[in-house]
C-alpha atoms as a PDB file:
ATOM      1  CA  MET A   1      61.018 125.941  93.804  1.00  0.00           C
ATOM      2  CA  PHE A   2      63.411 125.875  90.874  1.00  0.00           C
ATOM      3  CA  ASN A   3      66.169 123.186  92.042  1.00  0.00           C
ATOM      4  CA  LEU A   4      69.383 124.956  90.170  1.00  0.00           C
ATOM      5  CA  VAL A   5      72.152 122.370  91.418  1.00  0.00           C
ATOM      6  CA  ASN A   6      72.012 118.585  91.301  1.00  0.00           C
ATOM      7  CA  VAL A   7      72.517 116.958  94.581  1.00  0.00           C
ATOM      8  CA  ALA A   8      74.055 113.426  94.731  1.00  0.00           C
ATOM      9  CA  HIS A   9      72.911 111.485  97.095  1.00  0.00           C
ATOM     10  CA  ALA A  10      74.807 108.420  99.202  1.00  0.00           C
ATOM     11  CA  GLN A  11      73.352 105.092  98.740  1.00  0.00           C
ATOM     12  CA  THR A  12      73.228 102.912 102.178  1.00  0.00           C
ATOM     13  CA  ALA A  13      74.947  99.805 102.251  1.00  0.00           C
ATOM     14  CA  SER A  14      71.671  97.980 102.131  1.00  0.00           C
ATOM     15  CA  LYS A  15      71.533  98.964  98.426  1.00  0.00           C
ATOM     16  CA  VAL A  16      75.324  98.834  97.480  1.00  0.00           C
ATOM     17  CA  LEU A  17      75.649  94.854  98.633  1.00  0.00           C
ATOM     18  CA  LYS A  18      71.765  93.477  97.966  1.00  0.00           C
ATOM     19  CA  ASP A  19      73.498  90.883  96.341  1.00  0.00           C
ATOM     20  CA  ASN A  20      76.164  90.375  98.615  1.00  0.00           C
ATOM     21  CA  PRO A  21      75.588  91.134 101.962  1.00  0.00           C
ATOM     22  CA  SER A  22      79.052  90.628 103.361  1.00  0.00           C
ATOM     23  CA  LEU A  23      82.076  91.971 104.151  1.00  0.00           C
ATOM     24  CA  GLY A  24      83.581  90.553 100.653  1.00  0.00           C
ATOM     25  CA  GLY A  25      80.788  91.892  99.045  1.00  0.00           C
ATOM     26  CA  LEU A  26      81.384  95.094 100.353  1.00  0.00           C
ATOM     27  CA  LEU A  27      85.709  94.767  99.440  1.00  0.00           C
ATOM     28  CA  GLY A  28      84.742  93.374  95.878  1.00  0.00           C
ATOM     29  CA  LYS A  29      82.246  96.665  95.280  1.00  0.00           C
ATOM     30  CA  ILE A  30      85.041  99.286  96.599  1.00  0.00           C
ATOM     31  CA  THR A  31      88.424  97.414  94.858  1.00  0.00           C
ATOM     32  CA  ASP A  32      85.909  97.341  91.479  1.00  0.00           C
ATOM     33  CA  THR A  33      84.784 100.592  91.313  1.00  0.00           C
ATOM     34  CA  ILE A  34      87.770 101.987  93.272  1.00  0.00           C
ATOM     35  CA  VAL A  35      91.055 100.530  93.215  1.00  0.00           C
ATOM     36  CA  ASN A  36      91.289  98.483  90.023  1.00  0.00           C
ATOM     37  CA  PRO A  37      90.443 101.842  87.896  1.00  0.00           C
ATOM     38  CA  VAL A  38      93.086 103.854  90.165  1.00  0.00           C
ATOM     39  CA  LEU A  39      95.725 100.654  89.643  1.00  0.00           C
ATOM     40  CA  SER A  40      95.243 100.357  85.932  1.00  0.00           C
ATOM     41  CA  VAL A  41      95.495 104.345  85.467  1.00  0.00           C
ATOM     42  CA  LEU A  42      98.860 104.583  87.330  1.00  0.00           C
ATOM     43  CA  PHE A  43     100.148 101.790  85.198  1.00  0.00           C
ATOM     44  CA  VAL A  44      99.249 102.772  82.024  1.00  0.00           C
ATOM     45  CA  LEU A  45     101.075 106.008  83.049  1.00  0.00           C
ATOM     46  CA  ALA A  46     103.962 104.708  84.809  1.00  0.00           C
ATOM     47  CA  PHE A  47     104.118 102.215  81.443  1.00  0.00           C
ATOM     48  CA  PHE A  48     103.784 105.472  79.149  1.00  0.00           C
ATOM     49  CA  ILE A  49     107.146 107.438  81.373  1.00  0.00           C
ATOM     50  CA  PHE A  50     109.056 103.876  80.668  1.00  0.00           C
ATOM     51  CA  VAL A  51     108.518 104.333  76.797  1.00  0.00           C
ATOM     52  CA  TRP A  52     109.090 108.087  76.619  1.00  0.00           C
ATOM     53  CA  GLY A  53     112.307 107.507  78.430  1.00  0.00           C
ATOM     54  CA  ILE A  54     113.318 104.612  75.315  1.00  0.00           C
ATOM     55  CA  PHE A  55     112.325 107.240  72.587  1.00  0.00           C
ATOM     56  CA  GLY A  56     114.068 110.188  74.787  1.00  0.00           C
ATOM     57  CA  MET A  57     117.192 108.488  74.510  1.00  0.00           C
ATOM     58  CA  ILE A  58     117.088 107.091  70.972  1.00  0.00           C
ATOM     59  CA  LEU A  59     116.383 110.135  69.879  1.00  0.00           C
ATOM     60  CA  SER A  60     119.351 112.373  71.612  1.00  0.00           C
ATOM     61  CA  GLN A  61     122.237 109.642  71.107  1.00  0.00           C
ATOM     62  CA  ASP A  62     124.994 113.141  70.917  1.00  0.00           C
ATOM     63  CA  ASP A  63     123.238 114.940  74.125  1.00  0.00           C
ATOM     64  CA  SER A  64     124.729 112.949  77.494  1.00  0.00           C
ATOM     65  CA  GLU A  65     121.812 115.157  79.282  1.00  0.00           C
ATOM     66  CA  LYS A  66     118.899 114.525  77.611  1.00  0.00           C
ATOM     67  CA  ARG A  67     120.344 110.893  77.354  1.00  0.00           C
ATOM     68  CA  ASN A  68     120.844 110.200  81.459  1.00  0.00           C
ATOM     69  CA  ASN A  69     116.816 111.934  81.591  1.00  0.00           C
ATOM     70  CA  GLY A  70     115.777 109.202  79.440  1.00  0.00           C
ATOM     71  CA  LYS A  71     117.644 106.645  81.833  1.00  0.00           C
ATOM     72  CA  ARG A  72     115.837 108.328  84.871  1.00  0.00           C
ATOM     73  CA  SER A  73     112.056 108.130  82.932  1.00  0.00           C
ATOM     74  CA  ILE A  74     113.302 104.128  81.879  1.00  0.00           C
ATOM     75  CA  LEU A  75     114.751 103.695  86.132  1.00  0.00           C
ATOM     76  CA  TRP A  76     111.035 105.159  86.807  1.00  0.00           C
ATOM     77  CA  GLY A  77     108.626 103.730  84.753  1.00  0.00           C
ATOM     78  CA  THR A  78     109.756 100.580  85.758  1.00  0.00           C
ATOM     79  CA  ILE A  79     109.923 101.654  89.395  1.00  0.00           C
ATOM     80  CA  GLY A  80     106.298 102.148  88.641  1.00  0.00           C
ATOM     81  CA  MET A  81     105.219  99.532  87.268  1.00  0.00           C
ATOM     82  CA  VAL A  82     106.676  96.904  89.258  1.00  0.00           C
ATOM     83  CA  VAL A  83     104.879  99.265  92.199  1.00  0.00           C
ATOM     84  CA  MET A  84     101.584  98.481  90.122  1.00  0.00           C
ATOM     85  CA  LEU A  85     101.802  94.862  90.062  1.00  0.00           C
ATOM     86  CA  SER A  86     103.478  94.191  93.648  1.00  0.00           C
ATOM     87  CA  ALA A  87      99.527  96.495  94.389  1.00  0.00           C
ATOM     88  CA  TYR A  88      97.415  93.736  92.278  1.00  0.00           C
ATOM     89  CA  GLY A  89      99.538  90.839  93.694  1.00  0.00           C
ATOM     90  CA  ILE A  90      99.035  92.128  97.451  1.00  0.00           C
ATOM     91  CA  ILE A  91      94.969  92.603  96.709  1.00  0.00           C
ATOM     92  CA  ARG A  92      94.996  89.458  95.508  1.00  0.00           C
ATOM     93  CA  LEU A  93      96.978  87.709  98.459  1.00  0.00           C
ATOM     94  CA  ILE A  94      94.485  89.093 101.141  1.00  0.00           C
ATOM     95  CA  ALA A  95      91.240  88.981  98.962  1.00  0.00           C
ATOM     96  CA  GLY A  96      92.519  84.976  99.226  1.00  0.00           C
ATOM     97  CA  THR A  97      92.904  85.222 102.644  1.00  0.00           C
ATOM     98  CA  LEU A  98      89.642  86.893 103.315  1.00  0.00           C
ATOM     99  CA  ASN A  99      88.002  84.509 101.007  1.00  0.00           C
ATOM    100  CA  VAL A 100      86.693  87.468  98.871  1.00  0.00           C
ATOM    101  CA  PRO A 101      85.668  86.668  95.112  1.00  0.00           C
ATOM    102  CA  ASP A 102      88.505  87.542  93.181  1.00  0.00           C
ATOM    103  CA  PRO A 103      88.480  90.846  92.331  1.00  0.00           C
ATOM    104  CA  PHE A 104      90.348  90.814  88.990  1.00  0.00           C
ATOM    105  CA  LEU A 105      87.853  88.410  87.484  1.00  0.00           C
END
């Protein structure tokens, strides 16, 4: 009678891949809708941790404990950015190997 709950219906693969019905098209869609946004958000988060560490070191020159926390933030932010850039490279390598259109263009 009354529909109080919104229901999300899953799309079939043929509807999602109507323009490019291949494995490359499916991988391209997954990369565009899931992988790229997640990697971008994680990269920005790592960058903000890096910048936070720099500000922490600059603003607390007298306190050695806060300076060490800033150094750790810089280290982990740098590691996070390197991991995210490596993930982009690995995805491009796999896409090139499988002849998938470039997922980042």
